[in-house]
Amino acid sequence: ISGTNRPLVELERSLADLHRKEAALVFTSGFVSNEAAISTIA
């Protein structure tokens, strides 16, 4: 809902390039990214 701003899109591209991966996804904190990603993937 309107929160995908251009600097955020560019940040995710920069992170994907950093790790040589196809894509990246940004969260509000490292705690949230671990909790969300592990639980969802599993």
Full PDB file with SEQRES, HELIX, SHEET, SSBOND, CRYST1, ORIGX, SCALE, CONECT and MASTER records, all heavy atoms in Angstrom:
SEQRES   1 A   42  ILE SER GLY THR ASN ARG PRO LEU VAL GLU LEU GLU ARG          
SEQRES   2 A   42  SER LEU ALA ASP LEU HIS ARG LYS GLU ALA ALA LEU VAL          
SEQRES   3 A   42  PHE THR SER GLY PHE VAL SER ASN GLU ALA ALA ILE SER          
SEQRES   4 A   42  THR ILE ALA                                                  
HELIX    1 AA1 ARG A    6  LEU A   18  1                                  13    
HELIX    2 AA2 GLY A   30  ILE A   41  1                                  12    
CRYST1    1.000    1.000    1.000  90.00  90.00  90.00 P 1           1          
ORIGX1      1.000000  0.000000  0.000000        0.00000                         
ORIGX2      0.000000  1.000000  0.000000        0.00000                         
ORIGX3      0.000000  0.000000  1.000000        0.00000                         
SCALE1      1.000000  0.000000  0.000000        0.00000                         
SCALE2      0.000000  1.000000  0.000000        0.00000                         
SCALE3      0.000000  0.000000  1.000000        0.00000                         
ATOM      1  N   ILE A   1       0.848  -1.187   0.000  1.00  0.00           N  
ATOM      2  CA  ILE A   1       0.000   0.000   0.000  1.00  0.00           C  
ATOM      3  C   ILE A   1       0.885   1.239   0.000  1.00  0.00           C  
ATOM      4  O   ILE A   1       1.151   1.849   1.046  1.00  0.00           O  
ATOM      5  CB  ILE A   1      -0.983   0.006   1.184  1.00  0.00           C  
ATOM      6  CG1 ILE A   1      -1.803  -1.283   1.206  1.00  0.00           C  
ATOM      7  CG2 ILE A   1      -1.905   1.220   1.122  1.00  0.00           C  
ATOM      8  CD1 ILE A   1      -2.713  -1.425   2.399  1.00  0.00           C  
ATOM      9  N   SER A   2       1.424   1.567  -1.121  1.00  0.00           N  
ATOM     10  CA  SER A   2       2.180   2.795  -1.423  1.00  0.00           C  
ATOM     11  C   SER A   2       3.550   2.886  -0.770  1.00  0.00           C  
ATOM     12  O   SER A   2       4.211   3.915  -0.890  1.00  0.00           O  
ATOM     13  CB  SER A   2       1.362   4.046  -1.046  1.00  0.00           C  
ATOM     14  OG  SER A   2       1.410   4.351   0.341  1.00  0.00           O  
ATOM     15  N   GLY A   3       4.006   1.826  -0.071  1.00  0.00           N  
ATOM     16  CA  GLY A   3       5.263   1.909   0.652  1.00  0.00           C  
ATOM     17  C   GLY A   3       6.489   1.388  -0.073  1.00  0.00           C  
ATOM     18  O   GLY A   3       7.580   1.333   0.510  1.00  0.00           O  
ATOM     19  N   THR A   4       6.341   0.988  -1.339  1.00  0.00           N  
ATOM     20  CA  THR A   4       7.489   0.517  -2.118  1.00  0.00           C  
ATOM     21  C   THR A   4       8.121   1.713  -2.808  1.00  0.00           C  
ATOM     22  O   THR A   4       7.799   2.034  -3.956  1.00  0.00           O  
ATOM     23  CB  THR A   4       7.071  -0.566  -3.117  1.00  0.00           C  
ATOM     24  OG1 THR A   4       6.520  -1.676  -2.395  1.00  0.00           O  
ATOM     25  CG2 THR A   4       8.264  -1.066  -3.919  1.00  0.00           C  
ATOM     26  N   ASN A   5       8.982   2.410  -2.087  1.00  0.00           N  
ATOM     27  CA  ASN A   5       9.622   3.601  -2.615  1.00  0.00           C  
ATOM     28  C   ASN A   5      10.849   3.245  -3.464  1.00  0.00           C  
ATOM     29  O   ASN A   5      11.425   2.152  -3.329  1.00  0.00           O  
ATOM     30  CB  ASN A   5      10.018   4.552  -1.475  1.00  0.00           C  
ATOM     31  CG  ASN A   5      10.896   3.890  -0.421  1.00  0.00           C  
ATOM     32  OD1 ASN A   5      12.106   3.779  -0.621  1.00  0.00           O  
ATOM     33  ND2 ASN A   5      10.316   3.488   0.712  1.00  0.00           N  
ATOM     34  N   ARG A   6      11.245   4.174  -4.330  1.00  0.00           N  
ATOM     35  CA  ARG A   6      12.340   3.904  -5.265  1.00  0.00           C  
ATOM     36  C   ARG A   6      13.657   3.569  -4.565  1.00  0.00           C  
ATOM     37  O   ARG A   6      14.333   2.619  -4.968  1.00  0.00           O  
ATOM     38  CB  ARG A   6      12.520   5.096  -6.210  1.00  0.00           C  
ATOM     39  CG  ARG A   6      13.576   4.867  -7.293  1.00  0.00           C  
ATOM     40  CD  ARG A   6      13.173   3.708  -8.180  1.00  0.00           C  
ATOM     41  NE  ARG A   6      14.220   3.344  -9.104  1.00  0.00           N  
ATOM     42  CZ  ARG A   6      14.136   2.347  -9.987  1.00  0.00           C  
ATOM     43  NH1 ARG A   6      13.042   1.621 -10.049  1.00  0.00           N  
ATOM     44  NH2 ARG A   6      15.124   2.070 -10.783  1.00  0.00           N  
ATOM     45  N   PRO A   7      14.080   4.299  -3.525  1.00  0.00           N  
ATOM     46  CA  PRO A   7      15.322   3.914  -2.837  1.00  0.00           C  
ATOM     47  C   PRO A   7      15.281   2.504  -2.260  1.00  0.00           C  
ATOM     48  O   PRO A   7      16.316   1.830  -2.202  1.00  0.00           O  
ATOM     49  CB  PRO A   7      15.451   4.970  -1.736  1.00  0.00           C  
ATOM     50  CG  PRO A   7      14.749   6.166  -2.282  1.00  0.00           C  
ATOM     51  CD  PRO A   7      13.577   5.605  -3.031  1.00  0.00           C  
ATOM     52  N   LEU A   8      14.107   2.026  -1.859  1.00  0.00           N  
ATOM     53  CA  LEU A   8      13.978   0.668  -1.343  1.00  0.00           C  
ATOM     54  C   LEU A   8      14.176  -0.353  -2.457  1.00  0.00           C  
ATOM     55  O   LEU A   8      14.845  -1.377  -2.267  1.00  0.00           O  
ATOM     56  CB  LEU A   8      12.609   0.497  -0.679  1.00  0.00           C  
ATOM     57  CG  LEU A   8      12.247  -0.872  -0.109  1.00  0.00           C  
ATOM     58  CD1 LEU A   8      13.363  -1.419   0.765  1.00  0.00           C  
ATOM     59  CD2 LEU A   8      10.944  -0.788   0.691  1.00  0.00           C  
ATOM     60  N   VAL A   9      13.605  -0.095  -3.614  1.00  0.00           N  
ATOM     61  CA  VAL A   9      13.815  -0.979  -4.765  1.00  0.00           C  
ATOM     62  C   VAL A   9      15.299  -1.046  -5.121  1.00  0.00           C  
ATOM     63  O   VAL A   9      15.854  -2.128  -5.362  1.00  0.00           O  
ATOM     64  CB  VAL A   9      12.991  -0.496  -5.974  1.00  0.00           C  
ATOM     65  CG1 VAL A   9      13.345  -1.295  -7.231  1.00  0.00           C  
ATOM     66  CG2 VAL A   9      11.498  -0.596  -5.680  1.00  0.00           C  
ATOM     67  N   GLU A  10      15.969   0.094  -5.129  1.00  0.00           N  
ATOM     68  CA  GLU A  10      17.394   0.146  -5.442  1.00  0.00           C  
ATOM     69  C   GLU A  10      18.228  -0.558  -4.372  1.00  0.00           C  
ATOM     70  O   GLU A  10      19.237  -1.202  -4.678  1.00  0.00           O  
ATOM     71  CB  GLU A  10      17.837   1.593  -5.604  1.00  0.00           C  
ATOM     72  CG  GLU A  10      17.230   2.274  -6.826  1.00  0.00           C  
ATOM     73  CD  GLU A  10      17.541   3.756  -6.900  1.00  0.00           C  
ATOM     74  OE1 GLU A  10      17.930   4.339  -5.850  1.00  0.00           O  
ATOM     75  OE2 GLU A  10      17.417   4.340  -8.007  1.00  0.00           O  
ATOM     76  N   LEU A  11      17.805  -0.451  -3.116  1.00  0.00           N  
ATOM     77  CA  LEU A  11      18.505  -1.130  -2.028  1.00  0.00           C  
ATOM     78  C   LEU A  11      18.435  -2.638  -2.204  1.00  0.00           C  
ATOM     79  O   LEU A  11      19.437  -3.343  -2.043  1.00  0.00           O  
ATOM     80  CB  LEU A  11      17.901  -0.717  -0.685  1.00  0.00           C  
ATOM     81  CG  LEU A  11      18.378  -1.477   0.556  1.00  0.00           C  
ATOM     82  CD1 LEU A  11      19.888  -1.331   0.751  1.00  0.00           C  
ATOM     83  CD2 LEU A  11      17.629  -0.978   1.809  1.00  0.00           C  
ATOM     84  N   GLU A  12      17.279  -3.170  -2.530  1.00  0.00           N  
ATOM     85  CA  GLU A  12      17.140  -4.618  -2.727  1.00  0.00           C  
ATOM     86  C   GLU A  12      17.976  -5.099  -3.907  1.00  0.00           C  
ATOM     87  O   GLU A  12      18.570  -6.185  -3.851  1.00  0.00           O  
ATOM     88  CB  GLU A  12      15.664  -4.975  -2.901  1.00  0.00           C  
ATOM     89  CG  GLU A  12      14.893  -4.848  -1.586  1.00  0.00           C  
ATOM     90  CD  GLU A  12      13.419  -5.151  -1.687  1.00  0.00           C  
ATOM     91  OE1 GLU A  12      12.849  -5.025  -2.797  1.00  0.00           O  
ATOM     92  OE2 GLU A  12      12.807  -5.491  -0.658  1.00  0.00           O  
ATOM     93  N   ARG A  13      18.060  -4.305  -4.953  1.00  0.00           N  
ATOM     94  CA  ARG A  13      18.916  -4.676  -6.079  1.00  0.00           C  
ATOM     95  C   ARG A  13      20.384  -4.678  -5.661  1.00  0.00           C  
ATOM     96  O   ARG A  13      21.149  -5.556  -6.082  1.00  0.00           O  
ATOM     97  CB  ARG A  13      18.688  -3.710  -7.241  1.00  0.00           C  
ATOM     98  CG  ARG A  13      17.324  -3.862  -7.907  1.00  0.00           C  
ATOM     99  CD  ARG A  13      17.091  -2.797  -8.954  1.00  0.00           C  
ATOM    100  NE  ARG A  13      15.802  -2.978  -9.622  1.00  0.00           N  
ATOM    101  CZ  ARG A  13      15.274  -2.112 -10.479  1.00  0.00           C  
ATOM    102  NH1 ARG A  13      15.944  -0.984 -10.783  1.00  0.00           N  
ATOM    103  NH2 ARG A  13      14.083  -2.343 -11.031  1.00  0.00           N  
ATOM    104  N   SER A  14      20.778  -3.717  -4.849  1.00  0.00           N  
ATOM    105  CA  SER A  14      22.149  -3.635  -4.371  1.00  0.00           C  
ATOM    106  C   SER A  14      22.504  -4.838  -3.509  1.00  0.00           C  
ATOM    107  O   SER A  14      23.608  -5.386  -3.597  1.00  0.00           O  
ATOM    108  CB  SER A  14      22.343  -2.337  -3.578  1.00  0.00           C  
ATOM    109  OG  SER A  14      23.664  -2.205  -3.111  1.00  0.00           O  
ATOM    110  N   LEU A  15      21.561  -5.275  -2.669  1.00  0.00           N  
ATOM    111  CA  LEU A  15      21.787  -6.430  -1.805  1.00  0.00           C  
ATOM    112  C   LEU A  15      21.855  -7.730  -2.611  1.00  0.00           C  
ATOM    113  O   LEU A  15      22.681  -8.600  -2.335  1.00  0.00           O  
ATOM    114  CB  LEU A  15      20.675  -6.520  -0.756  1.00  0.00           C  
ATOM    115  CG  LEU A  15      20.731  -5.461   0.342  1.00  0.00           C  
ATOM    116  CD1 LEU A  15      19.414  -5.401   1.097  1.00  0.00           C  
ATOM    117  CD2 LEU A  15      21.888  -5.744   1.298  1.00  0.00           C  
ATOM    118  N   ALA A  16      20.997  -7.870  -3.608  1.00  0.00           N  
ATOM    119  CA  ALA A  16      21.052  -9.052  -4.468  1.00  0.00           C  
ATOM    120  C   ALA A  16      22.401  -9.132  -5.170  1.00  0.00           C  
ATOM    121  O   ALA A  16      23.014 -10.203  -5.271  1.00  0.00           O  
ATOM    122  CB  ALA A  16      19.907  -9.012  -5.483  1.00  0.00           C  
ATOM    123  N   ASP A  17      22.875  -7.994  -5.653  1.00  0.00           N  
ATOM    124  CA  ASP A  17      24.193  -7.951  -6.298  1.00  0.00           C  
ATOM    125  C   ASP A  17      25.303  -8.274  -5.311  1.00  0.00           C  
ATOM    126  O   ASP A  17      26.261  -8.992  -5.656  1.00  0.00           O  
ATOM    127  CB  ASP A  17      24.429  -6.573  -6.909  1.00  0.00           C  
ATOM    128  CG  ASP A  17      25.849  -6.392  -7.427  1.00  0.00           C  
ATOM    129  OD1 ASP A  17      26.167  -6.963  -8.489  1.00  0.00           O  
ATOM    130  OD2 ASP A  17      26.654  -5.707  -6.752  1.00  0.00           O  
ATOM    131  N   LEU A  18      25.211  -7.776  -4.085  1.00  0.00           N  
ATOM    132  CA  LEU A  18      26.234  -8.034  -3.073  1.00  0.00           C  
ATOM    133  C   LEU A  18      26.435  -9.522  -2.874  1.00  0.00           C  
ATOM    134  O   LEU A  18      27.576 -10.000  -2.763  1.00  0.00           O  
ATOM    135  CB  LEU A  18      25.841  -7.369  -1.752  1.00  0.00           C  
ATOM    136  CG  LEU A  18      26.742  -7.657  -0.547  1.00  0.00           C  
ATOM    137  CD1 LEU A  18      28.130  -7.054  -0.748  1.00  0.00           C  
ATOM    138  CD2 LEU A  18      26.110  -7.128   0.743  1.00  0.00           C  
ATOM    139  N   HIS A  19      25.345 -10.274  -2.826  1.00  0.00           N  
ATOM    140  CA  HIS A  19      25.419 -11.703  -2.535  1.00  0.00           C  
ATOM    141  C   HIS A  19      25.326 -12.588  -3.780  1.00  0.00           C  
ATOM    142  O   HIS A  19      25.228 -13.805  -3.663  1.00  0.00           O  
ATOM    143  CB  HIS A  19      24.335 -12.084  -1.529  1.00  0.00           C  
ATOM    144  CG  HIS A  19      24.515 -11.456  -0.187  1.00  0.00           C  
ATOM    145  ND1 HIS A  19      25.561 -11.788   0.658  1.00  0.00           N  
ATOM    146  CD2 HIS A  19      23.797 -10.495   0.459  1.00  0.00           C  
ATOM    147  CE1 HIS A  19      25.473 -11.076   1.767  1.00  0.00           C  
ATOM    148  NE2 HIS A  19      24.422 -10.279   1.669  1.00  0.00           N  
ATOM    149  N   ARG A  20      25.325 -11.955  -4.967  1.00  0.00           N  
ATOM    150  CA  ARG A  20      25.267 -12.692  -6.228  1.00  0.00           C  
ATOM    151  C   ARG A  20      24.033 -13.601  -6.283  1.00  0.00           C  
ATOM    152  O   ARG A  20      24.112 -14.745  -6.718  1.00  0.00           O  
ATOM    153  CB  ARG A  20      26.536 -13.515  -6.440  1.00  0.00           C  
ATOM    154  CG  ARG A  20      27.836 -12.712  -6.347  1.00  0.00           C  
ATOM    155  CD  ARG A  20      27.944 -11.618  -7.367  1.00  0.00           C  
ATOM    156  NE  ARG A  20      29.298 -11.055  -7.454  1.00  0.00           N  
ATOM    157  CZ  ARG A  20      29.591  -9.876  -7.997  1.00  0.00           C  
ATOM    158  NH1 ARG A  20      28.627  -9.125  -8.511  1.00  0.00           N  
ATOM    159  NH2 ARG A  20      30.844  -9.443  -8.044  1.00  0.00           N  
ATOM    160  N   LYS A  21      22.892 -13.066  -5.842  1.00  0.00           N  
ATOM    161  CA  LYS A  21      21.632 -13.790  -5.872  1.00  0.00           C  
ATOM    162  C   LYS A  21      20.665 -13.103  -6.825  1.00  0.00           C  
ATOM    163  O   LYS A  21      20.846 -11.953  -7.221  1.00  0.00           O  
ATOM    164  CB  LYS A  21      21.009 -13.860  -4.472  1.00  0.00           C  
ATOM    165  CG  LYS A  21      21.854 -14.586  -3.430  1.00  0.00           C  
ATOM    166  CD  LYS A  21      22.056 -16.043  -3.784  1.00  0.00           C  
ATOM    167  CE  LYS A  21      22.816 -16.798  -2.688  1.00  0.00           C  
ATOM    168  NZ  LYS A  21      23.130 -18.202  -3.102  1.00  0.00           N  
ATOM    169  N   GLU A  22      19.615 -13.812  -7.189  1.00  0.00           N  
ATOM    170  CA  GLU A  22      18.649 -13.272  -8.136  1.00  0.00           C  
ATOM    171  C   GLU A  22      17.814 -12.149  -7.539  1.00  0.00           C  
ATOM    172  O   GLU A  22      17.381 -11.241  -8.255  1.00  0.00           O  
ATOM    173  CB  GLU A  22      17.715 -14.385  -8.628  1.00  0.00           C  
ATOM    174  CG  GLU A  22      18.402 -15.435  -9.488  1.00  0.00           C  
ATOM    175  CD  GLU A  22      17.449 -16.539  -9.909  1.00  0.00           C  
ATOM    176  OE1 GLU A  22      16.304 -16.595  -9.412  1.00  0.00           O  
ATOM    177  OE2 GLU A  22      17.862 -17.365 -10.742  1.00  0.00           O  
ATOM    178  N   ALA A  23      17.572 -12.202  -6.243  1.00  0.00           N  
ATOM    179  CA  ALA A  23      16.682 -11.216  -5.640  1.00  0.00           C  
ATOM    180  C   ALA A  23      17.013 -11.058  -4.159  1.00  0.00           C  
ATOM    181  O   ALA A  23      17.701 -11.880  -3.550  1.00  0.00           O  
ATOM    182  CB  ALA A  23      15.223 -11.641  -5.807  1.00  0.00           C  
ATOM    183  N   ALA A  24      16.498  -9.984  -3.581  1.00  0.00           N  
ATOM    184  CA  ALA A  24      16.633  -9.730  -2.152  1.00  0.00           C  
ATOM    185  C   ALA A  24      15.345  -9.103  -1.649  1.00  0.00           C  
ATOM    186  O   ALA A  24      14.572  -8.530  -2.419  1.00  0.00           O  
ATOM    187  CB  ALA A  24      17.827  -8.816  -1.851  1.00  0.00           C  
ATOM    188  N   LEU A  25      15.110  -9.209  -0.361  1.00  0.00           N  
ATOM    189  CA  LEU A  25      13.905  -8.675   0.260  1.00  0.00           C  
ATOM    190  C   LEU A  25      14.294  -8.012   1.576  1.00  0.00           C  
ATOM    191  O   LEU A  25      14.952  -8.630   2.415  1.00  0.00           O  
ATOM    192  CB  LEU A  25      12.895  -9.803   0.506  1.00  0.00           C  
ATOM    193  CG  LEU A  25      11.452  -9.403   0.810  1.00  0.00           C  
ATOM    194  CD1 LEU A  25      10.806  -8.725  -0.397  1.00  0.00           C  
ATOM    195  CD2 LEU A  25      10.645 -10.628   1.222  1.00  0.00           C  
ATOM    196  N   VAL A  26      13.872  -6.763   1.762  1.00  0.00           N  
ATOM    197  CA  VAL A  26      14.242  -5.982   2.942  1.00  0.00           C  
ATOM    198  C   VAL A  26      13.121  -5.990   3.965  1.00  0.00           C  
ATOM    199  O   VAL A  26      11.943  -5.837   3.627  1.00  0.00           O  
ATOM    200  CB  VAL A  26      14.599  -4.533   2.536  1.00  0.00           C  
ATOM    201  CG1 VAL A  26      14.701  -3.629   3.759  1.00  0.00           C  
ATOM    202  CG2 VAL A  26      15.917  -4.520   1.766  1.00  0.00           C  
ATOM    203  N   PHE A  27      13.510  -6.144   5.230  1.00  0.00           N  
ATOM    204  CA  PHE A  27      12.592  -6.121   6.363  1.00  0.00           C  
ATOM    205  C   PHE A  27      12.981  -4.976   7.303  1.00  0.00           C  
ATOM    206  O   PHE A  27      13.997  -4.326   7.119  1.00  0.00           O  
ATOM    207  CB  PHE A  27      12.646  -7.444   7.131  1.00  0.00           C  
ATOM    208  CG  PHE A  27      12.237  -8.648   6.329  1.00  0.00           C  
ATOM    209  CD1 PHE A  27      13.121  -9.242   5.429  1.00  0.00           C  
ATOM    210  CD2 PHE A  27      10.978  -9.206   6.477  1.00  0.00           C  
ATOM    211  CE1 PHE A  27      12.744 -10.355   4.692  1.00  0.00           C  
ATOM    212  CE2 PHE A  27      10.595 -10.318   5.746  1.00  0.00           C  
ATOM    213  CZ  PHE A  27      11.480 -10.886   4.852  1.00  0.00           C  
ATOM    214  N   THR A  28      12.168  -4.766   8.324  1.00  0.00           N  
ATOM    215  CA  THR A  28      12.412  -3.666   9.247  1.00  0.00           C  
ATOM    216  C   THR A  28      13.571  -3.917  10.201  1.00  0.00           C  
ATOM    217  O   THR A  28      14.101  -2.973  10.784  1.00  0.00           O  
ATOM    218  CB  THR A  28      11.149  -3.349  10.062  1.00  0.00           C  
ATOM    219  OG1 THR A  28      10.662  -4.560  10.661  1.00  0.00           O  
ATOM    220  CG2 THR A  28      10.072  -2.756   9.157  1.00  0.00           C  
ATOM    221  N   SER A  29      13.964  -5.165  10.398  1.00  0.00           N  
ATOM    222  CA  SER A  29      15.109  -5.475  11.254  1.00  0.00           C  
ATOM    223  C   SER A  29      15.628  -6.860  10.922  1.00  0.00           C  
ATOM    224  O   SER A  29      14.939  -7.663  10.275  1.00  0.00           O  
ATOM    225  CB  SER A  29      14.730  -5.410  12.744  1.00  0.00           C  
ATOM    226  OG  SER A  29      13.960  -6.552  13.124  1.00  0.00           O  
ATOM    227  N   GLY A  30      16.839  -7.160  11.413  1.00  0.00           N  
ATOM    228  CA  GLY A  30      17.389  -8.492  11.237  1.00  0.00           C  
ATOM    229  C   GLY A  30      16.598  -9.542  11.998  1.00  0.00           C  
ATOM    230  O   GLY A  30      16.479 -10.690  11.548  1.00  0.00           O  
ATOM    231  N   PHE A  31      16.075  -9.183  13.163  1.00  0.00           N  
ATOM    232  CA  PHE A  31      15.242 -10.118  13.920  1.00  0.00           C  
ATOM    233  C   PHE A  31      14.018 -10.511  13.106  1.00  0.00           C  
ATOM    234  O   PHE A  31      13.690 -11.695  12.977  1.00  0.00           O  
ATOM    235  CB  PHE A  31      14.812  -9.481  15.246  1.00  0.00           C  
ATOM    236  CG  PHE A  31      14.221 -10.465  16.223  1.00  0.00           C  
ATOM    237  CD1 PHE A  31      14.912 -10.865  17.329  1.00  0.00           C  
ATOM    238  CD2 PHE A  31      12.967 -11.007  16.053  1.00  0.00           C  
ATOM    239  CE1 PHE A  31      14.385 -11.781  18.232  1.00  0.00           C  
ATOM    240  CE2 PHE A  31      12.438 -11.920  16.955  1.00  0.00           C  
ATOM    241  CZ  PHE A  31      13.139 -12.296  18.046  1.00  0.00           C  
ATOM    242  N   VAL A  32      13.364  -9.517  12.531  1.00  0.00           N  
ATOM    243  CA  VAL A  32      12.156  -9.777  11.758  1.00  0.00           C  
ATOM    244  C   VAL A  32      12.469 -10.597  10.511  1.00  0.00           C  
ATOM    245  O   VAL A  32      11.721 -11.509  10.151  1.00  0.00           O  
ATOM    246  CB  VAL A  32      11.455  -8.457  11.386  1.00  0.00           C  
ATOM    247  CG1 VAL A  32      10.272  -8.716  10.449  1.00  0.00           C  
ATOM    248  CG2 VAL A  32      10.975  -7.742  12.643  1.00  0.00           C  
ATOM    249  N   SER A  33      13.575 -10.300   9.844  1.00  0.00           N  
ATOM    250  CA  SER A  33      13.901 -11.044   8.627  1.00  0.00           C  
ATOM    251  C   SER A  33      14.156 -12.512   8.930  1.00  0.00           C  
ATOM    252  O   SER A  33      13.716 -13.390   8.176  1.00  0.00           O  
ATOM    253  CB  SER A  33      15.107 -10.424   7.910  1.00  0.00           C  
ATOM    254  OG  SER A  33      16.250 -10.365   8.735  1.00  0.00           O  
ATOM    255  N   ASN A  34      14.821 -12.813  10.036  1.00  0.00           N  
ATOM    256  CA  ASN A  34      15.034 -14.208  10.419  1.00  0.00           C  
ATOM    257  C   ASN A  34      13.726 -14.891  10.794  1.00  0.00           C  
ATOM    258  O   ASN A  34      13.410 -15.990  10.319  1.00  0.00           O  
ATOM    259  CB  ASN A  34      16.011 -14.299  11.595  1.00  0.00           C  
ATOM    260  CG  ASN A  34      17.439 -14.547  11.161  1.00  0.00           C  
ATOM    261  OD1 ASN A  34      17.702 -15.098  10.099  1.00  0.00           O  
ATOM    262  ND2 ASN A  34      18.384 -14.155  11.995  1.00  0.00           N  
ATOM    263  N   GLU A  35      12.972 -14.251  11.671  1.00  0.00           N  
ATOM    264  CA  GLU A  35      11.712 -14.833  12.115  1.00  0.00           C  
ATOM    265  C   GLU A  35      10.777 -15.096  10.931  1.00  0.00           C  
ATOM    266  O   GLU A  35      10.195 -16.176  10.800  1.00  0.00           O  
ATOM    267  CB  GLU A  35      11.039 -13.910  13.125  1.00  0.00           C  
ATOM    268  CG  GLU A  35       9.716 -14.439  13.664  1.00  0.00           C  
ATOM    269  CD  GLU A  35       9.055 -13.466  14.623  1.00  0.00           C  
ATOM    270  OE1 GLU A  35       9.082 -12.253  14.333  1.00  0.00           O  
ATOM    271  OE2 GLU A  35       8.505 -13.904  15.642  1.00  0.00           O  
ATOM    272  N   ALA A  36      10.634 -14.098  10.071  1.00  0.00           N  
ATOM    273  CA  ALA A  36       9.712 -14.213   8.948  1.00  0.00           C  
ATOM    274  C   ALA A  36      10.179 -15.227   7.913  1.00  0.00           C  
ATOM    275  O   ALA A  36       9.399 -16.075   7.454  1.00  0.00           O  
ATOM    276  CB  ALA A  36       9.532 -12.847   8.290  1.00  0.00           C  
ATOM    277  N   ALA A  37      11.448 -15.146   7.530  1.00  0.00           N  
ATOM    278  CA  ALA A  37      11.942 -15.994   6.451  1.00  0.00           C  
ATOM    279  C   ALA A  37      11.976 -17.462   6.855  1.00  0.00           C  
ATOM    280  O   ALA A  37      11.506 -18.337   6.116  1.00  0.00           O  
ATOM    281  CB  ALA A  37      13.329 -15.529   6.012  1.00  0.00           C  
ATOM    282  N   ILE A  38      12.539 -17.749   8.033  1.00  0.00           N  
ATOM    283  CA  ILE A  38      12.643 -19.149   8.455  1.00  0.00           C  
ATOM    284  C   ILE A  38      11.265 -19.769   8.631  1.00  0.00           C  
ATOM    285  O   ILE A  38      10.995 -20.868   8.150  1.00  0.00           O  
ATOM    286  CB  ILE A  38      13.471 -19.261   9.746  1.00  0.00           C  
ATOM    287  CG1 ILE A  38      14.919 -18.891   9.471  1.00  0.00           C  
ATOM    288  CG2 ILE A  38      13.383 -20.680  10.327  1.00  0.00           C  
ATOM    289  CD1 ILE A  38      15.792 -18.808  10.719  1.00  0.00           C  
ATOM    290  N   SER A  39      10.378 -19.069   9.326  1.00  0.00           N  
ATOM    291  CA  SER A  39       9.054 -19.633   9.581  1.00  0.00           C  
ATOM    292  C   SER A  39       8.275 -19.823   8.289  1.00  0.00           C  
ATOM    293  O   SER A  39       7.606 -20.845   8.097  1.00  0.00           O  
ATOM    294  CB  SER A  39       8.267 -18.746  10.553  1.00  0.00           C  
ATOM    295  OG  SER A  39       8.047 -17.453  10.017  1.00  0.00           O  
ATOM    296  N   THR A  40       8.372 -18.873   7.375  1.00  0.00           N  
ATOM    297  CA  THR A  40       7.624 -18.957   6.126  1.00  0.00           C  
ATOM    298  C   THR A  40       8.173 -20.052   5.220  1.00  0.00           C  
ATOM    299  O   THR A  40       7.411 -20.859   4.672  1.00  0.00           O  
ATOM    300  CB  THR A  40       7.645 -17.607   5.400  1.00  0.00           C  
ATOM    301  OG1 THR A  40       7.083 -16.600   6.244  1.00  0.00           O  
ATOM    302  CG2 THR A  40       6.861 -17.682   4.101  1.00  0.00           C  
ATOM    303  N   ILE A  41       9.483 -20.078   5.044  1.00  0.00           N  
ATOM    304  CA  ILE A  41      10.102 -21.095   4.196  1.00  0.00           C  
ATOM    305  C   ILE A  41       9.785 -22.490   4.726  1.00  0.00           C  
ATOM    306  O   ILE A  41       9.413 -23.396   3.968  1.00  0.00           O  
ATOM    307  CB  ILE A  41      11.620 -20.868   4.103  1.00  0.00           C  
ATOM    308  CG1 ILE A  41      11.911 -19.592   3.308  1.00  0.00           C  
ATOM    309  CG2 ILE A  41      12.322 -22.072   3.460  1.00  0.00           C  
ATOM    310  CD1 ILE A  41      13.346 -19.113   3.415  1.00  0.00           C  
ATOM    311  N   ALA A  42       9.919 -22.670   6.040  1.00  0.00           N  
ATOM    312  CA  ALA A  42       9.673 -23.982   6.636  1.00  0.00           C  
ATOM    313  C   ALA A  42       8.221 -24.417   6.458  1.00  0.00           C  
ATOM    314  O   ALA A  42       7.936 -25.584   6.165  1.00  0.00           O  
ATOM    315  CB  ALA A  42      10.055 -23.963   8.112  1.00  0.00           C  
TER     316      ALA A  42                                                      
MASTER        0    0    0    2    0    0    0    6  315    1    0    4          
END                                                                             
